[in-house]
């Protein structure tokens, strides 16, 4: 399955696919031998929460975040 196939799906089918993927990931990550997120992910999340609470960071919408990341990758 590729992005074009997903784009052509009706919303209900996309939601079913997303639910199936989420269920599969949940089961995989709960397994004793899972390759869960690396330790630095937890540290990065903690740092982001701390910055948010201290007023050094703020939420932005996803479209703005994508534009910022895209600009950084072109620089």
PDB file of N, CA and C in Angstrom:
ATOM      1  N   UNK A   1       0.855  -1.179   0.000  1.00  0.00           N
ATOM      2  CA  UNK A   1       0.000   0.000   0.000  1.00  0.00           C
ATOM      3  C   UNK A   1       0.895   1.235   0.000  1.00  0.00           C
ATOM      4  N   UNK A   2       0.522   2.210  -0.809  1.00  0.00           N
ATOM      5  CA  UNK A   2       1.311   3.435  -0.865  1.00  0.00           C
ATOM      6  C   UNK A   2       0.422   4.646  -0.575  1.00  0.00           C
ATOM      7  N   UNK A   3       1.037   5.821  -0.532  1.00  0.00           N
ATOM      8  CA  UNK A   3       0.314   7.041  -0.174  1.00  0.00           C
ATOM      9  C   UNK A   3      -0.807   7.357  -1.155  1.00  0.00           C
ATOM     10  N   UNK A   4      -0.599   7.076  -2.429  1.00  0.00           N
ATOM     11  CA  UNK A   4      -1.638   7.352  -3.430  1.00  0.00           C
ATOM     12  C   UNK A   4      -2.864   6.491  -3.163  1.00  0.00           C
ATOM     13  N   UNK A   5      -2.638   5.219  -2.827  1.00  0.00           N
ATOM     14  CA  UNK A   5      -3.767   4.337  -2.513  1.00  0.00           C
ATOM     15  C   UNK A   5      -4.509   4.832  -1.278  1.00  0.00           C
ATOM     16  N   UNK A   6      -3.773   5.275  -0.282  1.00  0.00           N
ATOM     17  CA  UNK A   6      -4.407   5.779   0.940  1.00  0.00           C
ATOM     18  C   UNK A   6      -5.191   7.041   0.638  1.00  0.00           C
ATOM     19  N   UNK A   7      -4.616   7.947  -0.155  1.00  0.00           N
ATOM     20  CA  UNK A   7      -5.304   9.194  -0.503  1.00  0.00           C
ATOM     21  C   UNK A   7      -6.632   8.944  -1.199  1.00  0.00           C
ATOM     22  N   UNK A   8      -6.732   7.857  -1.948  1.00  0.00           N
ATOM     23  CA  UNK A   8      -7.956   7.593  -2.698  1.00  0.00           C
ATOM     24  C   UNK A   8      -9.018   6.863  -1.871  1.00  0.00           C
ATOM     25  N   UNK A   9      -8.693   6.473  -0.659  1.00  0.00           N
ATOM     26  CA  UNK A   9      -9.660   5.755   0.192  1.00  0.00           C
ATOM     27  C   UNK A   9     -10.709   6.715   0.749  1.00  0.00           C
ATOM     28  N   UNK A  10     -11.922   6.221   0.962  1.00  0.00           N
ATOM     29  CA  UNK A  10     -12.920   7.020   1.671  1.00  0.00           C
ATOM     30  C   UNK A  10     -12.470   7.215   3.127  1.00  0.00           C
ATOM     31  N   UNK A  11     -12.939   8.265   3.753  1.00  0.00           N
ATOM     32  CA  UNK A  11     -12.539   8.585   5.128  1.00  0.00           C
ATOM     33  C   UNK A  11     -12.800   7.417   6.074  1.00  0.00           C
ATOM     34  N   UNK A  12     -13.946   6.780   5.959  1.00  0.00           N
ATOM     35  CA  UNK A  12     -14.267   5.664   6.859  1.00  0.00           C
ATOM     36  C   UNK A  12     -13.228   4.550   6.743  1.00  0.00           C
ATOM     37  N   UNK A  13     -12.788   4.275   5.530  1.00  0.00           N
ATOM     38  CA  UNK A  13     -11.779   3.231   5.328  1.00  0.00           C
ATOM     39  C   UNK A  13     -10.428   3.672   5.896  1.00  0.00           C
ATOM     40  N   UNK A  14     -10.090   4.952   5.737  1.00  0.00           N
ATOM     41  CA  UNK A  14      -8.846   5.469   6.314  1.00  0.00           C
ATOM     42  C   UNK A  14      -8.866   5.328   7.834  1.00  0.00           C
ATOM     43  N   UNK A  15     -10.006   5.624   8.436  1.00  0.00           N
ATOM     44  CA  UNK A  15     -10.116   5.510   9.892  1.00  0.00           C
ATOM     45  C   UNK A  15      -9.974   4.064  10.348  1.00  0.00           C
ATOM     46  N   UNK A  16     -10.573   3.128   9.605  1.00  0.00           N
ATOM     47  CA  UNK A  16     -10.421   1.707   9.956  1.00  0.00           C
ATOM     48  C   UNK A  16      -8.959   1.279   9.844  1.00  0.00           C
ATOM     49  N   UNK A  17      -8.291   1.740   8.802  1.00  0.00           N
ATOM     50  CA  UNK A  17      -6.877   1.426   8.621  1.00  0.00           C
ATOM     51  C   UNK A  17      -6.051   2.010   9.765  1.00  0.00           C
ATOM     52  N   UNK A  18      -6.333   3.245  10.127  1.00  0.00           N
ATOM     53  CA  UNK A  18      -5.607   3.890  11.213  1.00  0.00           C
ATOM     54  C   UNK A  18      -5.822   3.146  12.527  1.00  0.00           C
ATOM     55  N   UNK A  19      -7.053   2.730  12.791  1.00  0.00           N
ATOM     56  CA  UNK A  19      -7.348   1.971  14.010  1.00  0.00           C
ATOM     57  C   UNK A  19      -6.608   0.637  14.015  1.00  0.00           C
ATOM     58  N   UNK A  20      -6.554  -0.024  12.863  1.00  0.00           N
ATOM     59  CA  UNK A  20      -5.846  -1.307  12.775  1.00  0.00           C
ATOM     60  C   UNK A  20      -4.349  -1.113  13.007  1.00  0.00           C
ATOM     61  N   UNK A  21      -3.782  -0.058  12.432  1.00  0.00           N
ATOM     62  CA  UNK A  21      -2.362   0.231  12.649  1.00  0.00           C
ATOM     63  C   UNK A  21      -2.081   0.543  14.115  1.00  0.00           C
ATOM     64  N   UNK A  22      -2.960   1.345  14.730  1.00  0.00           N
ATOM     65  CA  UNK A  22      -2.778   1.702  16.138  1.00  0.00           C
ATOM     66  C   UNK A  22      -2.845   0.455  17.015  1.00  0.00           C
ATOM     67  N   UNK A  23      -3.797  -0.410  16.756  1.00  0.00           N
ATOM     68  CA  UNK A  23      -3.931  -1.648  17.530  1.00  0.00           C
ATOM     69  C   UNK A  23      -2.680  -2.510  17.366  1.00  0.00           C
ATOM     70  N   UNK A  24      -2.196  -2.631  16.150  1.00  0.00           N
ATOM     71  CA  UNK A  24      -0.998  -3.422  15.886  1.00  0.00           C
ATOM     72  C   UNK A  24       0.219  -2.835  16.596  1.00  0.00           C
ATOM     73  N   UNK A  25       0.382  -1.515  16.505  1.00  0.00           N
ATOM     74  CA  UNK A  25       1.504  -0.869  17.189  1.00  0.00           C
ATOM     75  C   UNK A  25       1.405  -1.033  18.696  1.00  0.00           C
ATOM     76  N   UNK A  26       0.209  -0.887  19.238  1.00  0.00           N
ATOM     77  CA  UNK A  26       0.016  -1.029  20.682  1.00  0.00           C
ATOM     78  C   UNK A  26       0.422  -2.413  21.146  1.00  0.00           C
ATOM     79  N   UNK A  27       0.015  -3.432  20.413  1.00  0.00           N
ATOM     80  CA  UNK A  27       0.373  -4.804  20.784  1.00  0.00           C
ATOM     81  C   UNK A  27       1.870  -5.031  20.639  1.00  0.00           C
ATOM     82  N   UNK A  28       2.449  -4.486  19.592  1.00  0.00           N
ATOM     83  CA  UNK A  28       3.884  -4.657  19.362  1.00  0.00           C
ATOM     84  C   UNK A  28       4.693  -3.981  20.460  1.00  0.00           C
ATOM     85  N   UNK A  29       4.313  -2.753  20.820  1.00  0.00           N
ATOM     86  CA  UNK A  29       5.072  -2.015  21.827  1.00  0.00           C
ATOM     87  C   UNK A  29       4.882  -2.577  23.222  1.00  0.00           C
ATOM     88  N   UNK A  30       3.783  -3.295  23.459  1.00  0.00           N
ATOM     89  CA  UNK A  30       3.547  -3.914  24.763  1.00  0.00           C
ATOM     90  C   UNK A  30       4.280  -5.238  24.915  1.00  0.00           C
ATOM     91  N   UNK A  31       4.787  -5.781  23.825  1.00  0.00           N
ATOM     92  CA  UNK A  31       5.480  -7.073  23.876  1.00  0.00           C
ATOM     93  C   UNK A  31       6.811  -6.921  24.615  1.00  0.00           C
ATOM     94  N   UNK A  32       7.209  -7.958  25.366  1.00  0.00           N
ATOM     95  CA  UNK A  32       8.452  -7.869  26.141  1.00  0.00           C
ATOM     96  C   UNK A  32       9.697  -7.601  25.298  1.00  0.00           C
ATOM     97  N   UNK A  33       9.699  -8.054  24.055  1.00  0.00           N
ATOM     98  CA  UNK A  33      10.882  -7.871  23.209  1.00  0.00           C
ATOM     99  C   UNK A  33      10.734  -6.702  22.234  1.00  0.00           C
ATOM    100  N   UNK A  34       9.805  -5.798  22.537  1.00  0.00           N
ATOM    101  CA  UNK A  34       9.546  -4.707  21.596  1.00  0.00           C
ATOM    102  C   UNK A  34      10.718  -3.737  21.540  1.00  0.00           C
ATOM    103  N   UNK A  35      10.826  -3.090  20.415  1.00  0.00           N
ATOM    104  CA  UNK A  35      11.823  -2.039  20.233  1.00  0.00           C
ATOM    105  C   UNK A  35      11.109  -0.711  20.449  1.00  0.00           C
ATOM    106  N   UNK A  36      10.817  -0.423  21.702  1.00  0.00           N
ATOM    107  CA  UNK A  36      10.095   0.798  22.047  1.00  0.00           C
ATOM    108  C   UNK A  36      10.955   2.015  21.701  1.00  0.00           C
ATOM    109  N   UNK A  37      10.368   3.164  21.887  1.00  0.00           N
ATOM    110  CA  UNK A  37      11.089   4.398  21.589  1.00  0.00           C
ATOM    111  C   UNK A  37      12.401   4.446  22.368  1.00  0.00           C
ATOM    112  N   UNK A  38      13.423   5.024  21.761  1.00  0.00           N
ATOM    113  CA  UNK A  38      14.711   5.115  22.458  1.00  0.00           C
ATOM    114  C   UNK A  38      14.611   6.010  23.697  1.00  0.00           C
ATOM    115  N   UNK A  39      15.548   5.834  24.610  1.00  0.00           N
ATOM    116  CA  UNK A  39      15.531   6.584  25.871  1.00  0.00           C
ATOM    117  C   UNK A  39      15.518   8.093  25.657  1.00  0.00           C
ATOM    118  N   UNK A  40      16.179   8.559  24.608  1.00  0.00           N
ATOM    119  CA  UNK A  40      16.244  10.002  24.416  1.00  0.00           C
ATOM    120  C   UNK A  40      14.876  10.604  24.099  1.00  0.00           C
ATOM    121  N   UNK A  41      13.930   9.795  23.621  1.00  0.00           N
ATOM    122  CA  UNK A  41      12.576  10.313  23.362  1.00  0.00           C
ATOM    123  C   UNK A  41      11.942  10.792  24.659  1.00  0.00           C
ATOM    124  N   UNK A  42      12.038   9.980  25.708  1.00  0.00           N
ATOM    125  CA  UNK A  42      11.454  10.359  26.998  1.00  0.00           C
ATOM    126  C   UNK A  42      12.110  11.628  27.517  1.00  0.00           C
ATOM    127  N   UNK A  43      13.415  11.734  27.368  1.00  0.00           N
ATOM    128  CA  UNK A  43      14.131  12.926  27.824  1.00  0.00           C
ATOM    129  C   UNK A  43      13.688  14.157  27.033  1.00  0.00           C
ATOM    130  N   UNK A  44      13.543  14.015  25.718  1.00  0.00           N
ATOM    131  CA  UNK A  44      13.113  15.137  24.879  1.00  0.00           C
ATOM    132  C   UNK A  44      11.704  15.584  25.252  1.00  0.00           C
ATOM    133  N   UNK A  45      10.816  14.631  25.523  1.00  0.00           N
ATOM    134  CA  UNK A  45       9.456  14.989  25.940  1.00  0.00           C
ATOM    135  C   UNK A  45       9.461  15.710  27.278  1.00  0.00           C
ATOM    136  N   UNK A  46      10.277  15.231  28.214  1.00  0.00           N
ATOM    137  CA  UNK A  46      10.373  15.875  29.525  1.00  0.00           C
ATOM    138  C   UNK A  46      10.884  17.306  29.383  1.00  0.00           C
ATOM    139  N   UNK A  47      11.894  17.501  28.556  1.00  0.00           N
ATOM    140  CA  UNK A  47      12.434  18.843  28.331  1.00  0.00           C
ATOM    141  C   UNK A  47      11.389  19.758  27.695  1.00  0.00           C
ATOM    142  N   UNK A  48      10.613  19.233  26.767  1.00  0.00           N
ATOM    143  CA  UNK A  48       9.565  20.030  26.122  1.00  0.00           C
ATOM    144  C   UNK A  48       8.482  20.413  27.123  1.00  0.00           C
ATOM    145  N   UNK A  49       8.082  19.477  27.979  1.00  0.00           N
ATOM    146  CA  UNK A  49       7.078  19.781  29.008  1.00  0.00           C
ATOM    147  C   UNK A  49       7.587  20.837  29.975  1.00  0.00           C
ATOM    148  N   UNK A  50       8.839  20.713  30.376  1.00  0.00           N
ATOM    149  CA  UNK A  50       9.434  21.682  31.300  1.00  0.00           C
ATOM    150  C   UNK A  50       9.461  23.069  30.668  1.00  0.00           C
ATOM    151  N   UNK A  51       9.877  23.159  29.411  1.00  0.00           N
ATOM    152  CA  UNK A  51       9.920  24.443  28.711  1.00  0.00           C
ATOM    153  C   UNK A  51       8.528  25.037  28.566  1.00  0.00           C
ATOM    154  N   UNK A  52       7.547  24.205  28.293  1.00  0.00           N
ATOM    155  CA  UNK A  52       6.170  24.673  28.148  1.00  0.00           C
ATOM    156  C   UNK A  52       5.657  25.248  29.463  1.00  0.00           C
ATOM    157  N   UNK A  53       5.880  24.513  30.548  1.00  0.00           N
ATOM    158  CA  UNK A  53       5.419  24.979  31.865  1.00  0.00           C
ATOM    159  C   UNK A  53       6.128  26.260  32.299  1.00  0.00           C
ATOM    160  N   UNK A  54       7.383  26.416  31.904  1.00  0.00           N
ATOM    161  CA  UNK A  54       8.165  27.594  32.288  1.00  0.00           C
ATOM    162  C   UNK A  54       7.907  28.786  31.364  1.00  0.00           C
ATOM    163  N   UNK A  55       7.086  28.590  30.343  1.00  0.00           N
ATOM    164  CA  UNK A  55       6.776  29.674  29.421  1.00  0.00           C
ATOM    165  C   UNK A  55       7.849  29.910  28.367  1.00  0.00           C
ATOM    166  N   UNK A  56       8.781  28.981  28.224  1.00  0.00           N
ATOM    167  CA  UNK A  56       9.839  29.116  27.222  1.00  0.00           C
ATOM    168  C   UNK A  56       9.458  28.456  25.901  1.00  0.00           C
ATOM    169  N   UNK A  57       8.290  27.862  25.855  1.00  0.00           N
ATOM    170  CA  UNK A  57       7.814  27.197  24.638  1.00  0.00           C
ATOM    171  C   UNK A  57       6.308  27.372  24.559  1.00  0.00           C
ATOM    172  N   UNK A  58       5.770  27.184  23.372  1.00  0.00           N
ATOM    173  CA  UNK A  58       4.328  27.280  23.196  1.00  0.00           C
ATOM    174  C   UNK A  58       3.892  26.299  22.115  1.00  0.00           C
ATOM    175  N   UNK A  59       2.612  25.981  22.123  1.00  0.00           N
ATOM    176  CA  UNK A  59       2.060  25.108  21.099  1.00  0.00           C
ATOM    177  C   UNK A  59       1.845  25.908  19.820  1.00  0.00           C
ATOM    178  N   UNK A  60       2.072  25.249  18.684  1.00  0.00           N
ATOM    179  CA  UNK A  60       1.710  25.830  17.396  1.00  0.00           C
ATOM    180  C   UNK A  60       0.933  24.773  16.627  1.00  0.00           C
ATOM    181  N   UNK A  61       0.140  25.214  15.653  1.00  0.00           N
ATOM    182  CA  UNK A  61      -0.646  24.230  14.909  1.00  0.00           C
ATOM    183  C   UNK A  61       0.254  23.427  13.974  1.00  0.00           C
ATOM    184  N   UNK A  62      -0.250  22.292  13.536  1.00  0.00           N
ATOM    185  CA  UNK A  62       0.543  21.349  12.756  1.00  0.00           C
ATOM    186  C   UNK A  62       1.026  21.946  11.441  1.00  0.00           C
ATOM    187  N   UNK A  63       0.202  22.731  10.773  1.00  0.00           N
ATOM    188  CA  UNK A  63       0.611  23.332   9.502  1.00  0.00           C
ATOM    189  C   UNK A  63       1.805  24.258   9.704  1.00  0.00           C
ATOM    190  N   UNK A  64       1.774  25.057  10.757  1.00  0.00           N
ATOM    191  CA  UNK A  64       2.900  25.954  11.045  1.00  0.00           C
ATOM    192  C   UNK A  64       4.152  25.155  11.370  1.00  0.00           C
ATOM    193  N   UNK A  65       3.999  24.084  12.130  1.00  0.00           N
ATOM    194  CA  UNK A  65       5.147  23.236  12.479  1.00  0.00           C
ATOM    195  C   UNK A  65       5.765  22.628  11.225  1.00  0.00           C
ATOM    196  N   UNK A  66       4.934  22.155  10.310  1.00  0.00           N
ATOM    197  CA  UNK A  66       5.452  21.564   9.072  1.00  0.00           C
ATOM    198  C   UNK A  66       6.208  22.604   8.246  1.00  0.00           C
ATOM    199  N   UNK A  67       5.702  23.835   8.216  1.00  0.00           N
ATOM    200  CA  UNK A  67       6.385  24.885   7.463  1.00  0.00           C
ATOM    201  C   UNK A  67       7.752  25.191   8.071  1.00  0.00           C
ATOM    202  N   UNK A  68       7.817  25.242   9.396  1.00  0.00           N
ATOM    203  CA  UNK A  68       9.089  25.504  10.078  1.00  0.00           C
ATOM    204  C   UNK A  68      10.084  24.384   9.796  1.00  0.00           C
ATOM    205  N   UNK A  69       9.626  23.142   9.923  1.00  0.00           N
ATOM    206  CA  UNK A  69      10.513  22.003   9.674  1.00  0.00           C
ATOM    207  C   UNK A  69      10.972  21.956   8.222  1.00  0.00           C
ATOM    208  N   UNK A  70      10.072  22.273   7.315  1.00  0.00           N
ATOM    209  CA  UNK A  70      10.422  22.278   5.896  1.00  0.00           C
ATOM    210  C   UNK A  70      11.476  23.348   5.610  1.00  0.00           C
ATOM    211  N   UNK A  71      11.301  24.528   6.190  1.00  0.00           N
ATOM    212  CA  UNK A  71      12.271  25.611   5.993  1.00  0.00           C
ATOM    213  C   UNK A  71      13.635  25.228   6.567  1.00  0.00           C
ATOM    214  N   UNK A  72      13.642  24.565   7.721  1.00  0.00           N
ATOM    215  CA  UNK A  72      14.911  24.138   8.329  1.00  0.00           C
ATOM    216  C   UNK A  72      15.623  23.122   7.453  1.00  0.00           C
ATOM    217  N   UNK A  73      14.866  22.239   6.833  1.00  0.00           N
ATOM    218  CA  UNK A  73      15.501  21.196   6.022  1.00  0.00           C
ATOM    219  C   UNK A  73      16.079  21.760   4.726  1.00  0.00           C
ATOM    220  N   UNK A  74      15.560  22.896   4.279  1.00  0.00           N
ATOM    221  CA  UNK A  74      16.073  23.527   3.058  1.00  0.00           C
ATOM    222  C   UNK A  74      17.271  24.424   3.337  1.00  0.00           C
ATOM    223  N   UNK A  75      17.444  24.819   4.584  1.00  0.00           N
ATOM    224  CA  UNK A  75      18.529  25.759   4.948  1.00  0.00           C
ATOM    225  C   UNK A  75      19.885  25.101   4.946  1.00  0.00           C
TER     226      UNK A  75
END
